[in-house]
C-alpha cells in the first residue's frame, strides 16, 4: 500500500543560542522506534540503501561522525537541540536525517527520511 514518505523538518532556523526542534513525521503505526541522526558531515553523494534491502531509501548523513536520538511513538516524534553560542560557531553545519525501524516494510526493516543541513547563523 502507498503511504506518505517519512519526513524530517527543523524549526526555527538554527541561530546561535536558539533551541531547534527536529520533527520526524509520517511514522508508520508499525514502527518499533525512530531515530534522529545528527552528523558533523553530510554524505555527498548520498548512499543508496537498495543493496542493503531498503529500496528507495538513501543515507544522507555520515554515520562515523553522528549522534543518534531514539524516538518512540508516532505519527510524529520530536526532539530539541540547543545551538551553541559564540561567534566561532557561525557558519558551522549539522546534517540530520530521520529513520524508522518498521518490521517487514522491506528486507532491512528500515525506512529513511529526507536529509536536512542546518547552518548556524
C-alpha atoms as a PDB file:
ATOM      1  CA  UNK A   1       0.000   0.000   0.000  1.00  0.00           C
ATOM      2  CA  UNK A   2       1.153   3.532  -0.720  1.00  0.00           C
ATOM      3  CA  UNK A   3       1.990   5.642   2.327  1.00  0.00           C
ATOM      4  CA  UNK A   4       3.355   9.134   2.876  1.00  0.00           C
ATOM      5  CA  UNK A   5       7.151   9.202   2.973  1.00  0.00           C
ATOM      6  CA  UNK A   6       8.968   9.602   6.267  1.00  0.00           C
ATOM      7  CA  UNK A   7       9.810  13.300   6.570  1.00  0.00           C
ATOM      8  CA  UNK A   8      12.186  15.332   8.738  1.00  0.00           C
ATOM      9  CA  UNK A   9      11.743  19.038   9.458  1.00  0.00           C
ATOM     10  CA  UNK A  10      13.525  21.552  11.689  1.00  0.00           C
ATOM     11  CA  UNK A  11      12.208  24.748  13.214  1.00  0.00           C
ATOM     12  CA  UNK A  12      13.082  27.557  13.909  1.00  0.00           C
ATOM     13  CA  UNK A  13      16.217  28.494  11.963  1.00  0.00           C
ATOM     14  CA  UNK A  14      19.403  27.482  13.838  1.00  0.00           C
ATOM     15  CA  UNK A  15      20.572  30.821  15.235  1.00  0.00           C
ATOM     16  CA  UNK A  16      23.239  30.931  17.940  1.00  0.00           C
ATOM     17  CA  UNK A  17      21.735  30.073  21.332  1.00  0.00           C
ATOM     18  CA  UNK A  18      18.363  29.021  19.861  1.00  0.00           C
ATOM     19  CA  UNK A  19      16.628  25.728  20.518  1.00  0.00           C
ATOM     20  CA  UNK A  20      15.797  23.909  17.277  1.00  0.00           C
ATOM     21  CA  UNK A  21      13.104  21.229  17.186  1.00  0.00           C
ATOM     22  CA  UNK A  22      13.702  18.337  14.789  1.00  0.00           C
ATOM     23  CA  UNK A  23      10.449  16.525  13.950  1.00  0.00           C
ATOM     24  CA  UNK A  24      10.012  13.222  12.130  1.00  0.00           C
ATOM     25  CA  UNK A  25       6.544  12.875  10.614  1.00  0.00           C
ATOM     26  CA  UNK A  26       4.629  10.160   8.762  1.00  0.00           C
ATOM     27  CA  UNK A  27       5.983   7.492  11.107  1.00  0.00           C
ATOM     28  CA  UNK A  28       4.108   4.249  10.336  1.00  0.00           C
ATOM     29  CA  UNK A  29       1.960   2.778  13.118  1.00  0.00           C
ATOM     30  CA  UNK A  30       4.026  -0.436  12.922  1.00  0.00           C
ATOM     31  CA  UNK A  31       7.308   1.380  13.700  1.00  0.00           C
ATOM     32  CA  UNK A  32       9.142  -0.054  16.698  1.00  0.00           C
ATOM     33  CA  UNK A  33      11.331   3.026  17.101  1.00  0.00           C
ATOM     34  CA  UNK A  34      12.564   6.002  15.141  1.00  0.00           C
ATOM     35  CA  UNK A  35      15.833   7.884  15.257  1.00  0.00           C
ATOM     36  CA  UNK A  36      17.014  11.364  14.503  1.00  0.00           C
ATOM     37  CA  UNK A  37      20.613  11.119  13.358  1.00  0.00           C
ATOM     38  CA  UNK A  38      22.719  14.281  13.700  1.00  0.00           C
ATOM     39  CA  UNK A  39      26.073  14.253  11.952  1.00  0.00           C
ATOM     40  CA  UNK A  40      29.007  16.599  11.530  1.00  0.00           C
ATOM     41  CA  UNK A  41      29.298  15.588   7.869  1.00  0.00           C
ATOM     42  CA  UNK A  42      26.698  15.492   5.103  1.00  0.00           C
ATOM     43  CA  UNK A  43      27.015  12.339   2.973  1.00  0.00           C
ATOM     44  CA  UNK A  44      27.618  13.561  -0.601  1.00  0.00           C
ATOM     45  CA  UNK A  45      26.604  11.884  -2.735  1.00  0.00           C
ATOM     46  CA  UNK A  46      24.013  10.098  -0.577  1.00  0.00           C
ATOM     47  CA  UNK A  47      24.324   6.332  -0.194  1.00  0.00           C
ATOM     48  CA  UNK A  48      21.652   4.223  -1.915  1.00  0.00           C
ATOM     49  CA  UNK A  49      20.353   1.669   0.599  1.00  0.00           C
ATOM     50  CA  UNK A  50      18.809  -0.601  -2.050  1.00  0.00           C
ATOM     51  CA  UNK A  51      21.724  -3.113  -1.930  1.00  0.00           C
ATOM     52  CA  UNK A  52      21.172  -3.410   1.849  1.00  0.00           C
ATOM     53  CA  UNK A  53      17.461  -4.202   1.481  1.00  0.00           C
ATOM     54  CA  UNK A  54      15.843  -0.759   1.666  1.00  0.00           C
ATOM     55  CA  UNK A  55      14.839   0.048  -1.911  1.00  0.00           C
ATOM     56  CA  UNK A  56      14.130   3.734  -2.460  1.00  0.00           C
ATOM     57  CA  UNK A  57      15.904   4.788   0.746  1.00  0.00           C
ATOM     58  CA  UNK A  58      19.081   6.864   0.979  1.00  0.00           C
ATOM     59  CA  UNK A  59      21.606   7.735   3.706  1.00  0.00           C
ATOM     60  CA  UNK A  60      22.309  11.485   3.756  1.00  0.00           C
ATOM     61  CA  UNK A  61      24.472  11.592   6.912  1.00  0.00           C
ATOM     62  CA  UNK A  62      27.951  10.307   7.734  1.00  0.00           C
ATOM     63  CA  UNK A  63      27.492   7.676  10.458  1.00  0.00           C
ATOM     64  CA  UNK A  64      31.097   7.916  11.635  1.00  0.00           C
ATOM     65  CA  UNK A  65      30.571  11.458  12.925  1.00  0.00           C
ATOM     66  CA  UNK A  66      26.995  11.095  14.136  1.00  0.00           C
ATOM     67  CA  UNK A  67      24.927  11.067  17.283  1.00  0.00           C
ATOM     68  CA  UNK A  68      21.561   9.326  17.379  1.00  0.00           C
ATOM     69  CA  UNK A  69      18.482  10.256  19.393  1.00  0.00           C
ATOM     70  CA  UNK A  70      15.969   7.401  19.726  1.00  0.00           C
ATOM     71  CA  UNK A  71      12.315   8.415  19.493  1.00  0.00           C
ATOM     72  CA  UNK A  72       9.206   6.351  20.187  1.00  0.00           C
ATOM     73  CA  UNK A  73       5.608   6.751  19.071  1.00  0.00           C
ATOM     74  CA  UNK A  74       4.065   8.384  16.097  1.00  0.00           C
ATOM     75  CA  UNK A  75       2.801   9.500  13.683  1.00  0.00           C
ATOM     76  CA  UNK A  76       5.232  12.297  14.678  1.00  0.00           C
ATOM     77  CA  UNK A  77       8.127  12.408  17.115  1.00  0.00           C
ATOM     78  CA  UNK A  78      10.396  15.313  18.035  1.00  0.00           C
ATOM     79  CA  UNK A  79      13.477  16.252  19.977  1.00  0.00           C
ATOM     80  CA  UNK A  80      15.258  19.526  20.611  1.00  0.00           C
ATOM     81  CA  UNK A  81      18.825  20.659  20.040  1.00  0.00           C
ATOM     82  CA  UNK A  82      20.285  23.829  21.514  1.00  0.00           C
ATOM     83  CA  UNK A  83      22.642  25.626  19.154  1.00  0.00           C
ATOM     84  CA  UNK A  84      25.865  26.689  20.919  1.00  0.00           C
ATOM     85  CA  UNK A  85      26.656  30.360  21.463  1.00  0.00           C
ATOM     86  CA  UNK A  86      29.795  32.220  20.450  1.00  0.00           C
ATOM     87  CA  UNK A  87      30.971  33.701  17.182  1.00  0.00           C
ATOM     88  CA  UNK A  88      33.207  30.673  16.494  1.00  0.00           C
ATOM     89  CA  UNK A  89      30.043  28.652  15.735  1.00  0.00           C
ATOM     90  CA  UNK A  90      28.817  30.973  12.953  1.00  0.00           C
ATOM     91  CA  UNK A  91      28.584  29.030   9.699  1.00  0.00           C
ATOM     92  CA  UNK A  92      29.003  25.627  11.402  1.00  0.00           C
ATOM     93  CA  UNK A  93      26.722  22.942   9.936  1.00  0.00           C
ATOM     94  CA  UNK A  94      24.976  19.837  11.209  1.00  0.00           C
ATOM     95  CA  UNK A  95      23.453  17.283   8.862  1.00  0.00           C
ATOM     96  CA  UNK A  96      20.319  15.476  10.067  1.00  0.00           C
ATOM     97  CA  UNK A  97      18.176  12.577   8.884  1.00  0.00           C
ATOM     98  CA  UNK A  98      15.346  10.523  10.329  1.00  0.00           C
ATOM     99  CA  UNK A  99      14.913   6.770  10.167  1.00  0.00           C
ATOM    100  CA  UNK A 100      12.307   4.312  11.451  1.00  0.00           C
ATOM    101  CA  UNK A 101      12.564   0.614  12.255  1.00  0.00           C
ATOM    102  CA  UNK A 102       9.444  -0.934  10.696  1.00  0.00           C
ATOM    103  CA  UNK A 103       9.436  -4.754  10.689  1.00  0.00           C
ATOM    104  CA  UNK A 104       8.513  -6.212   7.309  1.00  0.00           C
ATOM    105  CA  UNK A 105       8.410  -2.918   5.396  1.00  0.00           C
ATOM    106  CA  UNK A 106      11.420  -4.142   3.359  1.00  0.00           C
ATOM    107  CA  UNK A 107      14.191  -6.728   3.868  1.00  0.00           C
ATOM    108  CA  UNK A 108      16.191  -4.269   6.035  1.00  0.00           C
ATOM    109  CA  UNK A 109      13.071  -3.240   8.035  1.00  0.00           C
ATOM    110  CA  UNK A 110      14.202   0.400   7.839  1.00  0.00           C
ATOM    111  CA  UNK A 111      12.844   3.498   6.124  1.00  0.00           C
ATOM    112  CA  UNK A 112      14.632   6.843   5.926  1.00  0.00           C
ATOM    113  CA  UNK A 113      13.609  10.477   5.611  1.00  0.00           C
ATOM    114  CA  UNK A 114      14.946  13.373   3.631  1.00  0.00           C
ATOM    115  CA  UNK A 115      18.155  14.982   4.865  1.00  0.00           C
ATOM    116  CA  UNK A 116      18.443  18.460   6.369  1.00  0.00           C
ATOM    117  CA  UNK A 117      21.546  20.632   6.532  1.00  0.00           C
ATOM    118  CA  UNK A 118      21.364  23.136   9.409  1.00  0.00           C
ATOM    119  CA  UNK A 119      23.812  26.051   9.191  1.00  0.00           C
ATOM    120  CA  UNK A 120      24.267  28.061  12.399  1.00  0.00           C
ATOM    121  CA  UNK A 121      23.781  31.793  11.927  1.00  0.00           C
END
